Amino acid sequence: VTLFRTFGSKEALIAEALRSRASAHTAPAALPADPQDPERELTLWAAAHLAELGASRALIRQAMSDMAERPDVAPCVASGWSAADAELRRYLVRLVECGFVEAPRPVTGPTLARYD
């Protein structure tokens, strides 16, 4: 009865459980502000995220199977991985600024759609 009063329905309870679980994993492992060894730094960072994906596989499967029924939960579930994407993009900019890699050249002609 208390759960029903708090959440109103089983669907709302499940949605809140998914949001809660997802929000616990929104802080990506930080990449260094001053890159020293990009291969090592990126390898450790990717391994940490791979471990997190493995630990979250049940949540990922459940969220994907319920996506049609609960589309409002998708942004919550994806927030941790969106934060990781943003962290990686910032690091890649720092790699260019520090001279570890060349800046990408502008693409001309037909291209695939970008997903920003």
N, C-alpha and C. Protein backbone atom coordinates (compact mmCIF):
# COMPACT_ATOMS: atom_id res chain seq x y z
N VAL A 1 0.83 -1.18 0.00
CA VAL A 1 0.00 0.00 0.00
C VAL A 1 0.88 1.25 0.00
N THR A 2 1.95 1.25 0.78
CA THR A 2 2.83 2.42 0.84
C THR A 2 3.50 2.66 -0.51
N LEU A 3 3.93 1.60 -1.17
CA LEU A 3 4.53 1.76 -2.48
C LEU A 3 3.54 2.36 -3.47
N PHE A 4 2.31 1.87 -3.43
CA PHE A 4 1.30 2.40 -4.35
C PHE A 4 1.03 3.87 -4.06
N ARG A 5 0.98 4.23 -2.79
CA ARG A 5 0.76 5.64 -2.44
C ARG A 5 1.92 6.51 -2.89
N THR A 6 3.13 5.98 -2.80
CA THR A 6 4.31 6.76 -3.17
C THR A 6 4.45 6.88 -4.68
N PHE A 7 4.28 5.77 -5.39
CA PHE A 7 4.54 5.76 -6.82
C PHE A 7 3.28 5.78 -7.68
N GLY A 8 2.17 5.37 -7.16
CA GLY A 8 0.93 5.40 -7.91
C GLY A 8 0.65 4.17 -8.74
N SER A 9 1.69 3.51 -9.22
CA SER A 9 1.50 2.31 -10.04
C SER A 9 2.79 1.50 -10.09
N LYS A 10 2.66 0.27 -10.53
CA LYS A 10 3.82 -0.60 -10.69
C LYS A 10 4.74 -0.02 -11.76
N GLU A 11 4.17 0.52 -12.83
CA GLU A 11 4.96 1.11 -13.91
C GLU A 11 5.82 2.26 -13.39
N ALA A 12 5.22 3.12 -12.55
CA ALA A 12 5.97 4.25 -12.00
C ALA A 12 7.09 3.77 -11.08
N LEU A 13 6.84 2.72 -10.33
CA LEU A 13 7.86 2.14 -9.46
C LEU A 13 9.03 1.60 -10.28
N ILE A 14 8.74 0.87 -11.34
CA ILE A 14 9.79 0.32 -12.20
C ILE A 14 10.57 1.44 -12.87
N ALA A 15 9.88 2.45 -13.36
CA ALA A 15 10.55 3.58 -14.00
C ALA A 15 11.49 4.28 -13.02
N GLU A 16 11.04 4.47 -11.80
CA GLU A 16 11.89 5.12 -10.79
C GLU A 16 13.09 4.24 -10.44
N ALA A 17 12.90 2.94 -10.36
CA ALA A 17 14.02 2.03 -10.09
C ALA A 17 15.06 2.12 -11.20
N LEU A 18 14.62 2.17 -12.45
CA LEU A 18 15.55 2.30 -13.57
C LEU A 18 16.27 3.64 -13.52
N ARG A 19 15.54 4.71 -13.25
CA ARG A 19 16.16 6.04 -13.14
C ARG A 19 17.20 6.07 -12.02
N SER A 20 16.84 5.50 -10.90
CA SER A 20 17.74 5.48 -9.75
C SER A 20 19.02 4.71 -10.05
N ARG A 21 18.87 3.56 -10.65
CA ARG A 21 20.03 2.73 -10.99
C ARG A 21 20.91 3.44 -12.01
N ALA A 22 20.28 4.05 -13.00
CA ALA A 22 21.05 4.74 -14.04
C ALA A 22 21.77 5.96 -13.48
N SER A 23 21.12 6.73 -12.61
CA SER A 23 21.74 7.94 -12.09
C SER A 23 22.92 7.63 -11.18
N ALA A 24 22.98 6.43 -10.65
CA ALA A 24 24.12 6.05 -9.81
C ALA A 24 25.39 5.89 -10.63
N HIS A 25 25.25 5.82 -11.95
CA HIS A 25 26.41 5.59 -12.81
C HIS A 25 26.58 6.69 -13.85
N THR A 26 26.31 7.93 -13.46
CA THR A 26 26.41 9.03 -14.41
C THR A 26 27.80 9.66 -14.44
N ALA A 27 28.60 9.47 -13.43
CA ALA A 27 29.91 10.10 -13.40
C ALA A 27 30.94 9.20 -14.10
N PRO A 28 31.37 9.60 -15.28
CA PRO A 28 32.36 8.78 -15.98
C PRO A 28 33.72 8.89 -15.31
N ALA A 29 34.52 7.87 -15.50
CA ALA A 29 35.89 7.95 -15.03
C ALA A 29 36.53 9.13 -15.74
N ALA A 30 37.28 9.92 -15.01
CA ALA A 30 37.88 11.12 -15.60
C ALA A 30 39.16 10.78 -16.36
N LEU A 31 39.28 11.39 -17.51
CA LEU A 31 40.54 11.32 -18.25
C LEU A 31 41.37 12.52 -17.81
N PRO A 32 42.69 12.41 -17.84
CA PRO A 32 43.51 13.50 -17.33
C PRO A 32 43.36 14.80 -18.13
N ALA A 33 43.41 15.91 -17.42
CA ALA A 33 43.33 17.22 -18.07
C ALA A 33 44.61 17.50 -18.86
N ASP A 34 45.71 16.90 -18.42
CA ASP A 34 47.00 17.08 -19.08
C ASP A 34 47.49 15.72 -19.56
N PRO A 35 47.15 15.32 -20.79
CA PRO A 35 47.53 13.98 -21.27
C PRO A 35 49.04 13.78 -21.28
N GLN A 36 49.46 12.62 -20.79
CA GLN A 36 50.88 12.27 -20.79
C GLN A 36 51.13 11.01 -21.63
N ASP A 37 50.28 10.02 -21.46
CA ASP A 37 50.42 8.74 -22.16
C ASP A 37 49.03 8.34 -22.68
N PRO A 38 48.62 8.90 -23.83
CA PRO A 38 47.25 8.69 -24.31
C PRO A 38 46.86 7.22 -24.46
N GLU A 39 47.75 6.39 -24.94
CA GLU A 39 47.40 4.98 -25.11
C GLU A 39 47.06 4.33 -23.77
N ARG A 40 47.87 4.55 -22.78
CA ARG A 40 47.63 3.99 -21.45
C ARG A 40 46.36 4.59 -20.83
N GLU A 41 46.23 5.92 -20.91
CA GLU A 41 45.09 6.60 -20.31
C GLU A 41 43.77 6.15 -20.94
N LEU A 42 43.75 6.06 -22.27
CA LEU A 42 42.53 5.63 -22.95
C LEU A 42 42.23 4.16 -22.70
N THR A 43 43.27 3.33 -22.61
CA THR A 43 43.06 1.91 -22.33
C THR A 43 42.44 1.70 -20.96
N LEU A 44 42.97 2.38 -19.95
CA LEU A 44 42.41 2.27 -18.59
C LEU A 44 40.98 2.80 -18.54
N TRP A 45 40.74 3.92 -19.21
CA TRP A 45 39.41 4.53 -19.23
C TRP A 45 38.40 3.60 -19.91
N ALA A 46 38.79 3.06 -21.06
CA ALA A 46 37.89 2.15 -21.80
C ALA A 46 37.63 0.88 -20.99
N ALA A 47 38.64 0.36 -20.33
CA ALA A 47 38.46 -0.85 -19.51
C ALA A 47 37.48 -0.58 -18.36
N ALA A 48 37.56 0.59 -17.75
CA ALA A 48 36.63 0.94 -16.67
C ALA A 48 35.20 1.01 -17.20
N HIS A 49 35.02 1.57 -18.37
CA HIS A 49 33.68 1.65 -18.94
C HIS A 49 33.16 0.30 -19.41
N LEU A 50 34.03 -0.52 -19.92
CA LEU A 50 33.63 -1.86 -20.30
C LEU A 50 33.18 -2.65 -19.08
N ALA A 51 33.91 -2.51 -17.97
CA ALA A 51 33.50 -3.18 -16.73
C ALA A 51 32.14 -2.67 -16.26
N GLU A 52 31.91 -1.37 -16.38
CA GLU A 52 30.62 -0.79 -15.98
C GLU A 52 29.49 -1.31 -16.86
N LEU A 53 29.75 -1.41 -18.15
CA LEU A 53 28.74 -1.97 -19.06
C LEU A 53 28.42 -3.41 -18.68
N GLY A 54 29.46 -4.18 -18.36
CA GLY A 54 29.24 -5.57 -17.94
C GLY A 54 28.43 -5.65 -16.67
N ALA A 55 28.73 -4.77 -15.72
CA ALA A 55 27.99 -4.77 -14.46
C ALA A 55 26.55 -4.31 -14.65
N SER A 56 26.31 -3.52 -15.69
CA SER A 56 24.98 -2.96 -15.93
C SER A 56 24.21 -3.71 -17.00
N ARG A 57 24.70 -4.86 -17.42
CA ARG A 57 24.06 -5.54 -18.55
C ARG A 57 22.61 -5.90 -18.30
N ALA A 58 22.26 -6.26 -17.09
CA ALA A 58 20.85 -6.57 -16.80
C ALA A 58 19.98 -5.33 -16.97
N LEU A 59 20.45 -4.19 -16.48
CA LEU A 59 19.72 -2.94 -16.63
C LEU A 59 19.60 -2.57 -18.11
N ILE A 60 20.68 -2.73 -18.85
CA ILE A 60 20.67 -2.39 -20.28
C ILE A 60 19.66 -3.26 -21.02
N ARG A 61 19.70 -4.56 -20.77
CA ARG A 61 18.75 -5.47 -21.42
C ARG A 61 17.31 -5.12 -21.07
N GLN A 62 17.06 -4.87 -19.80
CA GLN A 62 15.70 -4.55 -19.37
C GLN A 62 15.23 -3.24 -20.00
N ALA A 63 16.09 -2.24 -19.98
CA ALA A 63 15.72 -0.95 -20.56
C ALA A 63 15.45 -1.06 -22.05
N MET A 64 16.29 -1.82 -22.75
CA MET A 64 16.08 -1.99 -24.19
C MET A 64 14.80 -2.75 -24.48
N SER A 65 14.49 -3.76 -23.69
CA SER A 65 13.28 -4.53 -23.95
C SER A 65 12.02 -3.74 -23.59
N ASP A 66 12.14 -2.79 -22.68
CA ASP A 66 10.99 -1.99 -22.25
C ASP A 66 10.89 -0.64 -22.95
N MET A 67 11.79 -0.36 -23.88
CA MET A 67 11.87 0.97 -24.48
C MET A 67 10.55 1.41 -25.12
N ALA A 68 9.87 0.52 -25.79
CA ALA A 68 8.61 0.90 -26.44
C ALA A 68 7.55 1.27 -25.40
N GLU A 69 7.57 0.58 -24.27
CA GLU A 69 6.57 0.84 -23.23
C GLU A 69 6.94 2.02 -22.33
N ARG A 70 8.24 2.28 -22.18
CA ARG A 70 8.70 3.34 -21.28
C ARG A 70 9.73 4.24 -21.95
N PRO A 71 9.37 4.95 -23.01
CA PRO A 71 10.36 5.79 -23.70
C PRO A 71 10.90 6.92 -22.83
N ASP A 72 10.17 7.31 -21.80
CA ASP A 72 10.62 8.39 -20.91
C ASP A 72 11.83 8.00 -20.08
N VAL A 73 12.09 6.71 -19.95
CA VAL A 73 13.22 6.25 -19.14
C VAL A 73 14.53 6.26 -19.94
N ALA A 74 14.45 6.26 -21.26
CA ALA A 74 15.65 6.19 -22.10
C ALA A 74 16.69 7.25 -21.76
N PRO A 75 16.33 8.53 -21.63
CA PRO A 75 17.36 9.52 -21.30
C PRO A 75 18.04 9.25 -19.96
N CYS A 76 17.30 8.75 -18.99
CA CYS A 76 17.89 8.45 -17.68
C CYS A 76 18.89 7.31 -17.79
N VAL A 77 18.52 6.28 -18.52
CA VAL A 77 19.39 5.12 -18.67
C VAL A 77 20.64 5.50 -19.45
N ALA A 78 20.51 6.37 -20.43
CA ALA A 78 21.64 6.74 -21.28
C ALA A 78 22.51 7.84 -20.69
N SER A 79 22.11 8.46 -19.59
CA SER A 79 22.83 9.61 -19.08
C SER A 79 24.28 9.31 -18.72
N GLY A 80 24.54 8.18 -18.12
CA GLY A 80 25.93 7.84 -17.77
C GLY A 80 26.81 7.67 -18.99
N TRP A 81 26.26 7.04 -20.00
CA TRP A 81 27.03 6.82 -21.21
C TRP A 81 27.15 8.10 -22.03
N SER A 82 26.18 8.97 -21.94
CA SER A 82 26.28 10.28 -22.59
C SER A 82 27.37 11.10 -21.92
N ALA A 83 27.48 11.01 -20.62
CA ALA A 83 28.53 11.73 -19.90
C ALA A 83 29.90 11.18 -20.28
N ALA A 84 30.00 9.87 -20.46
CA ALA A 84 31.27 9.26 -20.87
C ALA A 84 31.65 9.75 -22.27
N ASP A 85 30.67 9.85 -23.16
CA ASP A 85 30.92 10.36 -24.50
C ASP A 85 31.46 11.79 -24.44
N ALA A 86 30.86 12.62 -23.61
CA ALA A 86 31.30 14.01 -23.47
C ALA A 86 32.73 14.07 -22.91
N GLU A 87 33.03 13.21 -21.94
CA GLU A 87 34.38 13.18 -21.36
C GLU A 87 35.40 12.78 -22.42
N LEU A 88 35.08 11.78 -23.23
CA LEU A 88 35.99 11.34 -24.28
C LEU A 88 36.20 12.44 -25.32
N ARG A 89 35.14 13.13 -25.70
CA ARG A 89 35.27 14.23 -26.66
C ARG A 89 36.18 15.34 -26.12
N ARG A 90 36.03 15.70 -24.84
CA ARG A 90 36.90 16.72 -24.24
C ARG A 90 38.36 16.27 -24.25
N TYR A 91 38.58 15.00 -23.95
CA TYR A 91 39.94 14.47 -23.93
C TYR A 91 40.55 14.51 -25.34
N LEU A 92 39.78 14.15 -26.34
CA LEU A 92 40.30 14.17 -27.71
C LEU A 92 40.67 15.59 -28.14
N VAL A 93 39.90 16.58 -27.71
CA VAL A 93 40.25 17.98 -27.99
C VAL A 93 41.58 18.31 -27.32
N ARG A 94 41.75 17.85 -26.07
CA ARG A 94 43.03 18.11 -25.37
C ARG A 94 44.20 17.42 -26.08
N LEU A 95 43.97 16.23 -26.64
CA LEU A 95 45.03 15.54 -27.38
C LEU A 95 45.45 16.36 -28.60
N VAL A 96 44.50 16.96 -29.28
CA VAL A 96 44.81 17.82 -30.42
C VAL A 96 45.58 19.04 -29.93
N GLU A 97 45.11 19.67 -28.87
CA GLU A 97 45.75 20.88 -28.35
C GLU A 97 47.18 20.61 -27.89
N CYS A 98 47.43 19.42 -27.36
CA CYS A 98 48.77 19.07 -26.87
C CYS A 98 49.67 18.50 -27.97
N GLY A 99 49.14 18.34 -29.17
CA GLY A 99 49.94 17.87 -30.29
C GLY A 99 50.09 16.36 -30.39
N PHE A 100 49.31 15.58 -29.64
CA PHE A 100 49.39 14.14 -29.74
C PHE A 100 48.78 13.62 -31.04
N VAL A 101 47.76 14.30 -31.53
CA VAL A 101 47.10 13.93 -32.78
C VAL A 101 46.83 15.19 -33.58
N GLU A 102 46.68 15.01 -34.90
CA GLU A 102 46.35 16.15 -35.75
C GLU A 102 44.86 16.44 -35.67
N ALA A 103 44.52 17.70 -35.83
CA ALA A 103 43.11 18.08 -35.87
C ALA A 103 42.49 17.46 -37.11
N PRO A 104 41.26 17.01 -36.99
CA PRO A 104 40.61 16.43 -38.17
C PRO A 104 40.41 17.49 -39.24
N ARG A 105 40.58 17.06 -40.49
CA ARG A 105 40.35 17.98 -41.61
C ARG A 105 38.87 18.03 -41.92
N PRO A 106 38.39 19.16 -42.38
CA PRO A 106 36.97 19.24 -42.76
C PRO A 106 36.68 18.25 -43.88
N VAL A 107 35.53 17.64 -43.80
CA VAL A 107 35.11 16.68 -44.80
C VAL A 107 34.33 17.42 -45.87
N THR A 108 34.64 17.15 -47.14
CA THR A 108 33.91 17.77 -48.22
C THR A 108 33.15 16.70 -48.97
N GLY A 109 32.11 17.12 -49.63
CA GLY A 109 31.30 16.18 -50.40
C GLY A 109 30.29 15.47 -49.53
N PRO A 110 29.62 14.49 -50.09
CA PRO A 110 28.59 13.75 -49.33
C PRO A 110 29.21 13.05 -48.12
N THR A 111 28.54 13.15 -46.99
CA THR A 111 29.02 12.50 -45.77
C THR A 111 27.86 11.78 -45.10
N LEU A 112 28.20 10.92 -44.18
CA LEU A 112 27.20 10.28 -43.36
C LEU A 112 26.69 11.28 -42.34
N ALA A 113 25.49 11.11 -41.89
CA ALA A 113 24.91 12.02 -40.89
C ALA A 113 25.72 11.95 -39.61
N ARG A 114 25.90 13.07 -38.96
CA ARG A 114 26.58 13.11 -37.66
C ARG A 114 25.55 12.99 -36.56
N TYR A 115 25.94 12.35 -35.50
CA TYR A 115 25.05 12.18 -34.34
C TYR A 115 25.63 12.93 -33.16
N ASP A 116 25.38 14.23 -33.09
CA ASP A 116 25.89 15.04 -31.97
C ASP A 116 24.80 15.32 -31.01
